[in-house]
Amino acid sequence: MQLDTSELTPVINRLKRAQGQLAAVTRMLEEGKDCKDVITQLAAVSKALDRAGFAIIATGLEQCLTSDDATMDKKDLEKLFLSLA
């Protein structure tokens, strides 16, 4: 199934922010920053990636439900969803 990229602009923006946060985590480690601060930023990156993944799956699910030529079935979507759990 091909996702409609026009609906994914917020997801792309979220991933770009997460990319910046991850770069900050790397920088913090290289600079020897406090462990608590590093973990806090790493948790933020992880949460942003999870939310992006769920948004992609939700978009795919919506498109599957409304499309006549959907190539993914319920089992495929469930497998994708559980891969983020």
PDB file of N, CA and C in Angstrom:
ATOM      1  N   MET A   1       0.839  -1.176   0.000  1.00  0.00           N
ATOM      2  CA  MET A   1       0.000   0.000   0.000  1.00  0.00           C
ATOM      3  C   MET A   1       0.884   1.238   0.000  1.00  0.00           C
ATOM      4  N   GLN A   2       0.591   2.141  -0.865  1.00  0.00           N
ATOM      5  CA  GLN A   2       1.315   3.410  -0.958  1.00  0.00           C
ATOM      6  C   GLN A   2       0.596   4.445  -0.113  1.00  0.00           C
ATOM      7  N   LEU A   3       1.324   5.081   0.807  1.00  0.00           N
ATOM      8  CA  LEU A   3       0.710   6.090   1.669  1.00  0.00           C
ATOM      9  C   LEU A   3       0.609   7.427   0.949  1.00  0.00           C
ATOM     10  N   ASP A   4      -0.449   8.151   1.237  1.00  0.00           N
ATOM     11  CA  ASP A   4      -0.653   9.486   0.681  1.00  0.00           C
ATOM     12  C   ASP A   4       0.246  10.462   1.437  1.00  0.00           C
ATOM     13  N   THR A   5       1.282  10.953   0.779  1.00  0.00           N
ATOM     14  CA  THR A   5       2.265  11.804   1.448  1.00  0.00           C
ATOM     15  C   THR A   5       1.691  13.133   1.916  1.00  0.00           C
ATOM     16  N   SER A   6       0.631  13.605   1.282  1.00  0.00           N
ATOM     17  CA  SER A   6       0.043  14.878   1.708  1.00  0.00           C
ATOM     18  C   SER A   6      -0.524  14.775   3.126  1.00  0.00           C
ATOM     19  N   GLU A   7      -0.942  13.597   3.531  1.00  0.00           N
ATOM     20  CA  GLU A   7      -1.472  13.399   4.872  1.00  0.00           C
ATOM     21  C   GLU A   7      -0.361  13.189   5.903  1.00  0.00           C
ATOM     22  N   LEU A   8       0.854  12.974   5.434  1.00  0.00           N
ATOM     23  CA  LEU A   8       1.958  12.637   6.335  1.00  0.00           C
ATOM     24  C   LEU A   8       2.874  13.816   6.655  1.00  0.00           C
ATOM     25  N   THR A   9       2.541  15.008   6.219  1.00  0.00           N
ATOM     26  CA  THR A   9       3.387  16.172   6.496  1.00  0.00           C
ATOM     27  C   THR A   9       3.651  16.350   7.994  1.00  0.00           C
ATOM     28  N   PRO A  10       2.644  16.240   8.861  1.00  0.00           N
ATOM     29  CA  PRO A  10       2.934  16.364  10.302  1.00  0.00           C
ATOM     30  C   PRO A  10       3.877  15.261  10.805  1.00  0.00           C
ATOM     31  N   VAL A  11       3.760  14.078  10.246  1.00  0.00           N
ATOM     32  CA  VAL A  11       4.631  12.966  10.652  1.00  0.00           C
ATOM     33  C   VAL A  11       6.065  13.253  10.213  1.00  0.00           C
ATOM     34  N   ILE A  12       6.224  13.747   9.016  1.00  0.00           N
ATOM     35  CA  ILE A  12       7.560  14.090   8.511  1.00  0.00           C
ATOM     36  C   ILE A  12       8.181  15.170   9.385  1.00  0.00           C
ATOM     37  N   ASN A  13       7.393  16.166   9.760  1.00  0.00           N
ATOM     38  CA  ASN A  13       7.893  17.221  10.649  1.00  0.00           C
ATOM     39  C   ASN A  13       8.295  16.655  12.009  1.00  0.00           C
ATOM     40  N   ARG A  14       7.503  15.746  12.543  1.00  0.00           N
ATOM     41  CA  ARG A  14       7.810  15.115  13.827  1.00  0.00           C
ATOM     42  C   ARG A  14       9.118  14.328  13.735  1.00  0.00           C
ATOM     43  N   LEU A  15       9.308  13.625  12.635  1.00  0.00           N
ATOM     44  CA  LEU A  15      10.541  12.844  12.451  1.00  0.00           C
ATOM     45  C   LEU A  15      11.765  13.750  12.327  1.00  0.00           C
ATOM     46  N   LYS A  16      11.592  14.891  11.682  1.00  0.00           N
ATOM     47  CA  LYS A  16      12.704  15.841  11.577  1.00  0.00           C
ATOM     48  C   LYS A  16      13.074  16.407  12.947  1.00  0.00           C
ATOM     49  N   ARG A  17      12.062  16.690  13.768  1.00  0.00           N
ATOM     50  CA  ARG A  17      12.333  17.152  15.139  1.00  0.00           C
ATOM     51  C   ARG A  17      13.048  16.062  15.934  1.00  0.00           C
ATOM     52  N   ALA A  18      12.593  14.826  15.785  1.00  0.00           N
ATOM     53  CA  ALA A  18      13.224  13.702  16.488  1.00  0.00           C
ATOM     54  C   ALA A  18      14.672  13.531  16.048  1.00  0.00           C
ATOM     55  N   GLN A  19      14.924  13.753  14.776  1.00  0.00           N
ATOM     56  CA  GLN A  19      16.290  13.668  14.256  1.00  0.00           C
ATOM     57  C   GLN A  19      17.177  14.711  14.939  1.00  0.00           C
ATOM     58  N   GLY A  20      16.658  15.910  15.105  1.00  0.00           N
ATOM     59  CA  GLY A  20      17.391  16.963  15.797  1.00  0.00           C
ATOM     60  C   GLY A  20      17.613  16.626  17.259  1.00  0.00           C
ATOM     61  N   GLN A  21      16.586  16.052  17.903  1.00  0.00           N
ATOM     62  CA  GLN A  21      16.718  15.655  19.301  1.00  0.00           C
ATOM     63  C   GLN A  21      17.772  14.556  19.453  1.00  0.00           C
ATOM     64  N   LEU A  22      17.785  13.625  18.513  1.00  0.00           N
ATOM     65  CA  LEU A  22      18.763  12.545  18.580  1.00  0.00           C
ATOM     66  C   LEU A  22      20.183  13.078  18.413  1.00  0.00           C
ATOM     67  N   ALA A  23      20.351  14.041  17.530  1.00  0.00           N
ATOM     68  CA  ALA A  23      21.659  14.671  17.363  1.00  0.00           C
ATOM     69  C   ALA A  23      22.080  15.353  18.664  1.00  0.00           C
ATOM     70  N   ALA A  24      21.108  15.954  19.354  1.00  0.00           N
ATOM     71  CA  ALA A  24      21.400  16.604  20.633  1.00  0.00           C
ATOM     72  C   ALA A  24      21.826  15.576  21.681  1.00  0.00           C
ATOM     73  N   VAL A  25      21.187  14.413  21.686  1.00  0.00           N
ATOM     74  CA  VAL A  25      21.566  13.345  22.623  1.00  0.00           C
ATOM     75  C   VAL A  25      23.005  12.912  22.365  1.00  0.00           C
ATOM     76  N   THR A  26      23.343  12.722  21.118  1.00  0.00           N
ATOM     77  CA  THR A  26      24.714  12.332  20.765  1.00  0.00           C
ATOM     78  C   THR A  26      25.703  13.384  21.236  1.00  0.00           C
ATOM     79  N   ARG A  27      25.376  14.639  20.987  1.00  0.00           N
ATOM     80  CA  ARG A  27      26.232  15.749  21.412  1.00  0.00           C
ATOM     81  C   ARG A  27      26.386  15.773  22.940  1.00  0.00           C
ATOM     82  N   MET A  28      25.287  15.556  23.626  1.00  0.00           N
ATOM     83  CA  MET A  28      25.319  15.544  25.086  1.00  0.00           C
ATOM     84  C   MET A  28      26.234  14.440  25.608  1.00  0.00           C
ATOM     85  N   LEU A  29      26.166  13.285  24.994  1.00  0.00           N
ATOM     86  CA  LEU A  29      27.042  12.182  25.405  1.00  0.00           C
ATOM     87  C   LEU A  29      28.507  12.520  25.149  1.00  0.00           C
ATOM     88  N   GLU A  30      28.763  13.103  23.993  1.00  0.00           N
ATOM     89  CA  GLU A  30      30.142  13.469  23.648  1.00  0.00           C
ATOM     90  C   GLU A  30      30.698  14.534  24.593  1.00  0.00           C
ATOM     91  N   GLU A  31      29.825  15.386  25.100  1.00  0.00           N
ATOM     92  CA  GLU A  31      30.242  16.465  25.995  1.00  0.00           C
ATOM     93  C   GLU A  31      30.222  16.052  27.467  1.00  0.00           C
ATOM     94  N   GLY A  32      29.816  14.814  27.736  1.00  0.00           N
ATOM     95  CA  GLY A  32      29.810  14.320  29.101  1.00  0.00           C
ATOM     96  C   GLY A  32      28.726  14.935  29.978  1.00  0.00           C
ATOM     97  N   LYS A  33      27.591  15.238  29.393  1.00  0.00           N
ATOM     98  CA  LYS A  33      26.491  15.845  30.150  1.00  0.00           C
ATOM     99  C   LYS A  33      25.925  14.866  31.178  1.00  0.00           C
ATOM    100  N   ASP A  34      25.131  15.408  32.097  1.00  0.00           N
ATOM    101  CA  ASP A  34      24.524  14.634  33.163  1.00  0.00           C
ATOM    102  C   ASP A  34      23.637  13.517  32.613  1.00  0.00           C
ATOM    103  N   CYS A  35      23.743  12.338  33.212  1.00  0.00           N
ATOM    104  CA  CYS A  35      23.004  11.157  32.772  1.00  0.00           C
ATOM    105  C   CYS A  35      21.493  11.405  32.742  1.00  0.00           C
ATOM    106  N   LYS A  36      20.972  12.063  33.758  1.00  0.00           N
ATOM    107  CA  LYS A  36      19.535  12.327  33.832  1.00  0.00           C
ATOM    108  C   LYS A  36      19.066  13.155  32.638  1.00  0.00           C
ATOM    109  N   ASP A  37      19.837  14.165  32.270  1.00  0.00           N
ATOM    110  CA  ASP A  37      19.477  15.012  31.130  1.00  0.00           C
ATOM    111  C   ASP A  37      19.517  14.231  29.820  1.00  0.00           C
ATOM    112  N   VAL A  38      20.522  13.373  29.681  1.00  0.00           N
ATOM    113  CA  VAL A  38      20.651  12.562  28.465  1.00  0.00           C
ATOM    114  C   VAL A  38      19.457  11.616  28.337  1.00  0.00           C
ATOM    115  N   ILE A  39      19.120  10.947  29.435  1.00  0.00           N
ATOM    116  CA  ILE A  39      18.004   9.993  29.411  1.00  0.00           C
ATOM    117  C   ILE A  39      16.680  10.702  29.133  1.00  0.00           C
ATOM    118  N   THR A  40      16.513  11.891  29.697  1.00  0.00           N
ATOM    119  CA  THR A  40      15.290  12.665  29.447  1.00  0.00           C
ATOM    120  C   THR A  40      15.146  12.969  27.961  1.00  0.00           C
ATOM    121  N   GLN A  41      16.233  13.398  27.323  1.00  0.00           N
ATOM    122  CA  GLN A  41      16.188  13.702  25.892  1.00  0.00           C
ATOM    123  C   GLN A  41      15.995  12.435  25.061  1.00  0.00           C
ATOM    124  N   LEU A  42      16.624  11.359  25.476  1.00  0.00           N
ATOM    125  CA  LEU A  42      16.484  10.091  24.753  1.00  0.00           C
ATOM    126  C   LEU A  42      15.046   9.586  24.836  1.00  0.00           C
ATOM    127  N   ALA A  43      14.419   9.755  25.980  1.00  0.00           N
ATOM    128  CA  ALA A  43      13.015   9.374  26.133  1.00  0.00           C
ATOM    129  C   ALA A  43      12.124  10.207  25.215  1.00  0.00           C
ATOM    130  N   ALA A  44      12.443  11.480  25.075  1.00  0.00           N
ATOM    131  CA  ALA A  44      11.667  12.351  24.183  1.00  0.00           C
ATOM    132  C   ALA A  44      11.789  11.897  22.734  1.00  0.00           C
ATOM    133  N   VAL A  45      12.998  11.501  22.342  1.00  0.00           N
ATOM    134  CA  VAL A  45      13.206  10.990  20.978  1.00  0.00           C
ATOM    135  C   VAL A  45      12.394   9.714  20.764  1.00  0.00           C
ATOM    136  N   SER A  46      12.462   8.830  21.720  1.00  0.00           N
ATOM    137  CA  SER A  46      11.744   7.557  21.622  1.00  0.00           C
ATOM    138  C   SER A  46      10.242   7.782  21.498  1.00  0.00           C
ATOM    139  N   LYS A  47       9.715   8.678  22.303  1.00  0.00           N
ATOM    140  CA  LYS A  47       8.279   8.976  22.259  1.00  0.00           C
ATOM    141  C   LYS A  47       7.888   9.592  20.915  1.00  0.00           C
ATOM    142  N   ALA A  48       8.722  10.480  20.403  1.00  0.00           N
ATOM    143  CA  ALA A  48       8.434  11.112  19.111  1.00  0.00           C
ATOM    144  C   ALA A  48       8.417  10.066  17.995  1.00  0.00           C
ATOM    145  N   LEU A  49       9.357   9.125  18.028  1.00  0.00           N
ATOM    146  CA  LEU A  49       9.392   8.069  17.016  1.00  0.00           C
ATOM    147  C   LEU A  49       8.172   7.158  17.124  1.00  0.00           C
ATOM    148  N   ASP A  50       7.793   6.818  18.357  1.00  0.00           N
ATOM    149  CA  ASP A  50       6.602   5.984  18.548  1.00  0.00           C
ATOM    150  C   ASP A  50       5.360   6.679  17.992  1.00  0.00           C
ATOM    151  N   ARG A  51       5.208   7.949  18.313  1.00  0.00           N
ATOM    152  CA  ARG A  51       4.035   8.685  17.827  1.00  0.00           C
ATOM    153  C   ARG A  51       4.021   8.777  16.307  1.00  0.00           C
ATOM    154  N   ALA A  52       5.176   8.967  15.720  1.00  0.00           N
ATOM    155  CA  ALA A  52       5.255   9.009  14.256  1.00  0.00           C
ATOM    156  C   ALA A  52       4.852   7.659  13.667  1.00  0.00           C
ATOM    157  N   GLY A  53       5.343   6.597  14.264  1.00  0.00           N
ATOM    158  CA  GLY A  53       4.992   5.257  13.783  1.00  0.00           C
ATOM    159  C   GLY A  53       3.511   4.987  13.882  1.00  0.00           C
ATOM    160  N   PHE A  54       2.904   5.342  15.009  1.00  0.00           N
ATOM    161  CA  PHE A  54       1.475   5.133  15.176  1.00  0.00           C
ATOM    162  C   PHE A  54       0.675   5.984  14.196  1.00  0.00           C
ATOM    163  N   ALA A  55       1.132   7.189  13.935  1.00  0.00           N
ATOM    164  CA  ALA A  55       0.437   8.052  12.968  1.00  0.00           C
ATOM    165  C   ALA A  55       0.511   7.453  11.561  1.00  0.00           C
ATOM    166  N   ILE A  56       1.651   6.880  11.216  1.00  0.00           N
ATOM    167  CA  ILE A  56       1.789   6.242   9.903  1.00  0.00           C
ATOM    168  C   ILE A  56       0.849   5.051   9.800  1.00  0.00           C
ATOM    169  N   ILE A  57       0.797   4.244  10.852  1.00  0.00           N
ATOM    170  CA  ILE A  57      -0.089   3.081  10.838  1.00  0.00           C
ATOM    171  C   ILE A  57      -1.554   3.514  10.792  1.00  0.00           C
ATOM    172  N   ALA A  58      -1.904   4.545  11.543  1.00  0.00           N
ATOM    173  CA  ALA A  58      -3.288   5.027  11.529  1.00  0.00           C
ATOM    174  C   ALA A  58      -3.678   5.518  10.140  1.00  0.00           C
ATOM    175  N   THR A  59      -2.756   6.213   9.482  1.00  0.00           N
ATOM    176  CA  THR A  59      -3.022   6.682   8.119  1.00  0.00           C
ATOM    177  C   THR A  59      -3.210   5.500   7.180  1.00  0.00           C
ATOM    178  N   GLY A  60      -2.342   4.511   7.326  1.00  0.00           N
ATOM    179  CA  GLY A  60      -2.463   3.309   6.495  1.00  0.00           C
ATOM    180  C   GLY A  60      -3.767   2.579   6.740  1.00  0.00           C
ATOM    181  N   LEU A  61      -4.156   2.474   7.996  1.00  0.00           N
ATOM    182  CA  LEU A  61      -5.399   1.798   8.341  1.00  0.00           C
ATOM    183  C   LEU A  61      -6.588   2.534   7.732  1.00  0.00           C
ATOM    184  N   GLU A  62      -6.584   3.839   7.865  1.00  0.00           N
ATOM    185  CA  GLU A  62      -7.677   4.641   7.299  1.00  0.00           C
ATOM    186  C   GLU A  62      -7.746   4.452   5.781  1.00  0.00           C
ATOM    187  N   GLN A  63      -6.598   4.459   5.120  1.00  0.00           N
ATOM    188  CA  GLN A  63      -6.585   4.293   3.672  1.00  0.00           C
ATOM    189  C   GLN A  63      -7.042   2.893   3.276  1.00  0.00           C
ATOM    190  N   CYS A  64      -6.681   1.892   4.073  1.00  0.00           N
ATOM    191  CA  CYS A  64      -7.129   0.528   3.780  1.00  0.00           C
ATOM    192  C   CYS A  64      -8.643   0.401   3.883  1.00  0.00           C
ATOM    193  N   LEU A  65      -9.191   1.065   4.885  1.00  0.00           N
ATOM    194  CA  LEU A  65     -10.634   0.964   5.103  1.00  0.00           C
ATOM    195  C   LEU A  65     -11.431   1.684   4.025  1.00  0.00           C
ATOM    196  N   THR A  66     -10.845   2.705   3.418  1.00  0.00           N
ATOM    197  CA  THR A  66     -11.587   3.498   2.439  1.00  0.00           C
ATOM    198  C   THR A  66     -11.220   3.179   0.991  1.00  0.00           C
ATOM    199  N   SER A  67     -10.242   2.313   0.792  1.00  0.00           N
ATOM    200  CA  SER A  67      -9.774   2.009  -0.554  1.00  0.00           C
ATOM    201  C   SER A  67     -10.336   0.674  -1.047  1.00  0.00           C
ATOM    202  N   ASP A  68     -10.665   0.629  -2.323  1.00  0.00           N
ATOM    203  CA  ASP A  68     -11.155  -0.613  -2.917  1.00  0.00           C
ATOM    204  C   ASP A  68     -10.017  -1.551  -3.303  1.00  0.00           C
ATOM    205  N   ASP A  69      -8.827  -1.012  -3.524  1.00  0.00           N
ATOM    206  CA  ASP A  69      -7.709  -1.837  -3.975  1.00  0.00           C
ATOM    207  C   ASP A  69      -6.628  -1.996  -2.896  1.00  0.00           C
ATOM    208  N   ALA A  70      -7.033  -2.072  -1.647  1.00  0.00           N
ATOM    209  CA  ALA A  70      -6.083  -2.200  -0.535  1.00  0.00           C
ATOM    210  C   ALA A  70      -5.328  -3.524  -0.641  1.00  0.00           C
ATOM    211  N   THR A  71      -4.017  -3.458  -0.423  1.00  0.00           N
ATOM    212  CA  THR A  71      -3.187  -4.657  -0.525  1.00  0.00           C
ATOM    213  C   THR A  71      -2.853  -5.255   0.829  1.00  0.00           C
ATOM    214  N   MET A  72      -3.162  -4.548   1.897  1.00  0.00           N
ATOM    215  CA  MET A  72      -2.881  -5.050   3.238  1.00  0.00           C
ATOM    216  C   MET A  72      -4.183  -5.487   3.895  1.00  0.00           C
ATOM    217  N   ASP A  73      -4.111  -6.617   4.579  1.00  0.00           N
ATOM    218  CA  ASP A  73      -5.288  -7.064   5.309  1.00  0.00           C
ATOM    219  C   ASP A  73      -5.136  -6.756   6.799  1.00  0.00           C
ATOM    220  N   LYS A  74      -6.124  -7.118   7.559  1.00  0.00           N
ATOM    221  CA  LYS A  74      -6.143  -6.826   8.986  1.00  0.00           C
ATOM    222  C   LYS A  74      -4.921  -7.421   9.694  1.00  0.00           C
ATOM    223  N   LYS A  75      -4.540  -8.622   9.314  1.00  0.00           N
ATOM    224  CA  LYS A  75      -3.399  -9.287   9.945  1.00  0.00           C
ATOM    225  C   LYS A  75      -2.099  -8.519   9.689  1.00  0.00           C
ATOM    226  N   ASP A  76      -1.917  -8.029   8.476  1.00  0.00           N
ATOM    227  CA  ASP A  76      -0.727  -7.236   8.139  1.00  0.00           C
ATOM    228  C   ASP A  76      -0.664  -5.951   8.969  1.00  0.00           C
ATOM    229  N   LEU A  77      -1.794  -5.258   9.074  1.00  0.00           N
ATOM    230  CA  LEU A  77      -1.846  -4.026   9.850  1.00  0.00           C
ATOM    231  C   LEU A  77      -1.608  -4.294  11.338  1.00  0.00           C
ATOM    232  N   GLU A  78      -2.155  -5.380  11.835  1.00  0.00           N
ATOM    233  CA  GLU A  78      -1.950  -5.744  13.235  1.00  0.00           C
ATOM    234  C   GLU A  78      -0.469  -6.012  13.495  1.00  0.00           C
ATOM    235  N   LYS A  79       0.175  -6.700  12.582  1.00  0.00           N
ATOM    236  CA  LYS A  79       1.597  -7.001  12.724  1.00  0.00           C
ATOM    237  C   LYS A  79       2.422  -5.698  12.760  1.00  0.00           C
ATOM    238  N   LEU A  80       2.092  -4.757  11.892  1.00  0.00           N
ATOM    239  CA  LEU A  80       2.765  -3.466  11.884  1.00  0.00           C
ATOM    240  C   LEU A  80       2.560  -2.722  13.204  1.00  0.00           C
ATOM    241  N   PHE A  81       1.322  -2.715  13.655  1.00  0.00           N
ATOM    242  CA  PHE A  81       1.000  -2.020  14.900  1.00  0.00           C
ATOM    243  C   PHE A  81       1.768  -2.631  16.062  1.00  0.00           C
ATOM    244  N   LEU A  82       1.795  -3.932  16.154  1.00  0.00           N
ATOM    245  CA  LEU A  82       2.474  -4.610  17.257  1.00  0.00           C
ATOM    246  C   LEU A  82       3.999  -4.452  17.193  1.00  0.00           C
ATOM    247  N   SER A  83       4.520  -4.176  16.022  1.00  0.00           N
ATOM    248  CA  SER A  83       5.970  -3.987  15.908  1.00  0.00           C
ATOM    249  C   SER A  83       6.434  -2.736  16.668  1.00  0.00           C
ATOM    250  N   LEU A  84       5.512  -1.824  16.936  1.00  0.00           N
ATOM    251  CA  LEU A  84       5.845  -0.618  17.698  1.00  0.00           C
ATOM    252  C   LEU A  84       5.619  -0.792  19.190  1.00  0.00           C
ATOM    253  N   ALA A  85       4.952  -1.859  19.565  1.00  0.00           N
ATOM    254  CA  ALA A  85       4.634  -2.072  20.992  1.00  0.00           C
ATOM    255  C   ALA A  85       5.860  -2.529  21.777  1.00  0.00           C
TER     256      ALA A  85
END
